[in-house]
Amino acid sequence: MNAGGRIEPSTVFICWQRVTALSNSLPAIYRATSRVINRV
């Protein structure tokens, strides 16, 4: 955030990219977690 309190479009884009990447990796994380739980 800059001093003016205005959100830069680039900051919003970076945050959106991170959220998109996280949501894309969630199924893989879920599968890996369920595999570990099934092993125990």
N, C-alpha and C. Protein backbone atom coordinates (compact mmCIF):
# COMPACT_ATOMS: atom_id res chain seq x y z
N MET A 1 0.86 -1.20 0.00
CA MET A 1 0.00 0.00 0.00
C MET A 1 0.89 1.24 0.00
N ASN A 2 0.52 2.23 -0.80
CA ASN A 2 1.29 3.47 -0.82
C ASN A 2 0.68 4.48 0.14
N ALA A 3 1.33 5.64 0.29
CA ALA A 3 0.93 6.62 1.29
C ALA A 3 -0.48 7.14 1.03
N GLY A 4 -0.89 7.18 -0.24
CA GLY A 4 -2.20 7.72 -0.57
C GLY A 4 -3.34 6.78 -0.18
N GLY A 5 -3.03 5.55 0.19
CA GLY A 5 -4.07 4.61 0.55
C GLY A 5 -4.74 4.00 -0.67
N ARG A 6 -4.24 4.33 -1.87
CA ARG A 6 -4.82 3.79 -3.10
C ARG A 6 -4.12 2.48 -3.43
N ILE A 7 -4.89 1.46 -3.81
CA ILE A 7 -4.31 0.15 -4.13
C ILE A 7 -3.84 0.17 -5.58
N GLU A 8 -2.58 -0.19 -5.77
CA GLU A 8 -2.02 -0.23 -7.13
C GLU A 8 -2.60 -1.41 -7.89
N PRO A 9 -2.92 -1.24 -9.18
CA PRO A 9 -3.44 -2.37 -9.97
C PRO A 9 -2.46 -3.54 -10.00
N SER A 10 -1.15 -3.24 -10.01
CA SER A 10 -0.18 -4.33 -10.06
C SER A 10 -0.24 -5.17 -8.79
N THR A 11 -0.49 -4.51 -7.64
CA THR A 11 -0.60 -5.24 -6.38
C THR A 11 -1.81 -6.16 -6.40
N VAL A 12 -2.91 -5.65 -6.92
CA VAL A 12 -4.13 -6.46 -7.02
C VAL A 12 -3.88 -7.65 -7.93
N PHE A 13 -3.16 -7.42 -9.04
CA PHE A 13 -2.89 -8.50 -9.99
C PHE A 13 -2.02 -9.58 -9.36
N ILE A 14 -1.01 -9.15 -8.60
CA ILE A 14 -0.12 -10.13 -7.96
C ILE A 14 -0.90 -10.95 -6.93
N CYS A 15 -1.74 -10.28 -6.15
CA CYS A 15 -2.55 -11.00 -5.15
C CYS A 15 -3.49 -11.97 -5.84
N TRP A 16 -4.09 -11.52 -6.96
CA TRP A 16 -5.03 -12.38 -7.69
C TRP A 16 -4.30 -13.59 -8.26
N GLN A 17 -3.06 -13.37 -8.75
CA GLN A 17 -2.28 -14.49 -9.27
C GLN A 17 -2.01 -15.51 -8.17
N ARG A 18 -1.66 -15.02 -6.98
CA ARG A 18 -1.35 -15.93 -5.88
C ARG A 18 -2.59 -16.73 -5.48
N VAL A 19 -3.73 -16.05 -5.41
CA VAL A 19 -4.97 -16.74 -5.04
C VAL A 19 -5.34 -17.79 -6.09
N THR A 20 -5.14 -17.43 -7.36
CA THR A 20 -5.45 -18.37 -8.44
C THR A 20 -4.52 -19.58 -8.37
N ALA A 21 -3.24 -19.34 -8.14
CA ALA A 21 -2.28 -20.44 -8.06
C ALA A 21 -2.62 -21.34 -6.87
N LEU A 22 -3.01 -20.73 -5.77
CA LEU A 22 -3.36 -21.52 -4.58
C LEU A 22 -4.58 -22.38 -4.84
N SER A 23 -5.61 -21.79 -5.44
CA SER A 23 -6.83 -22.54 -5.71
C SER A 23 -6.57 -23.65 -6.73
N ASN A 24 -5.63 -23.42 -7.65
CA ASN A 24 -5.29 -24.45 -8.63
C ASN A 24 -4.55 -25.62 -7.96
N SER A 25 -3.78 -25.33 -6.91
CA SER A 25 -2.99 -26.38 -6.27
C SER A 25 -3.78 -27.08 -5.17
N LEU A 26 -4.94 -26.54 -4.80
CA LEU A 26 -5.72 -27.16 -3.72
C LEU A 26 -6.07 -28.62 -4.00
N PRO A 27 -6.56 -28.98 -5.20
CA PRO A 27 -6.88 -30.39 -5.45
C PRO A 27 -5.67 -31.31 -5.24
N ALA A 28 -4.50 -30.87 -5.68
CA ALA A 28 -3.29 -31.69 -5.52
C ALA A 28 -2.93 -31.83 -4.04
N ILE A 29 -3.07 -30.73 -3.29
CA ILE A 29 -2.79 -30.77 -1.85
C ILE A 29 -3.78 -31.71 -1.17
N TYR A 30 -5.04 -31.63 -1.57
CA TYR A 30 -6.07 -32.49 -0.97
C TYR A 30 -5.77 -33.95 -1.25
N ARG A 31 -5.38 -34.28 -2.49
CA ARG A 31 -5.06 -35.67 -2.82
C ARG A 31 -3.86 -36.17 -2.01
N ALA A 32 -2.84 -35.33 -1.90
CA ALA A 32 -1.65 -35.74 -1.15
C ALA A 32 -2.00 -35.93 0.32
N THR A 33 -2.83 -35.04 0.87
CA THR A 33 -3.20 -35.16 2.28
C THR A 33 -4.03 -36.42 2.52
N SER A 34 -4.97 -36.70 1.63
CA SER A 34 -5.80 -37.89 1.80
C SER A 34 -4.96 -39.15 1.67
N ARG A 35 -3.93 -39.10 0.81
CA ARG A 35 -3.05 -40.26 0.67
C ARG A 35 -2.31 -40.52 1.98
N VAL A 36 -1.82 -39.44 2.60
CA VAL A 36 -1.09 -39.59 3.87
C VAL A 36 -2.03 -40.11 4.95
N ILE A 37 -3.27 -39.59 4.98
CA ILE A 37 -4.23 -40.02 6.00
C ILE A 37 -4.57 -41.50 5.80
N ASN A 38 -4.70 -41.93 4.55
CA ASN A 38 -5.03 -43.33 4.29
C ASN A 38 -3.89 -44.25 4.69
N ARG A 39 -2.66 -43.74 4.62
CA ARG A 39 -1.51 -44.56 4.97
C ARG A 39 -1.46 -44.84 6.47
N VAL A 40 -1.88 -43.86 7.26
CA VAL A 40 -1.77 -43.99 8.72
C VAL A 40 -2.75 -45.06 9.23
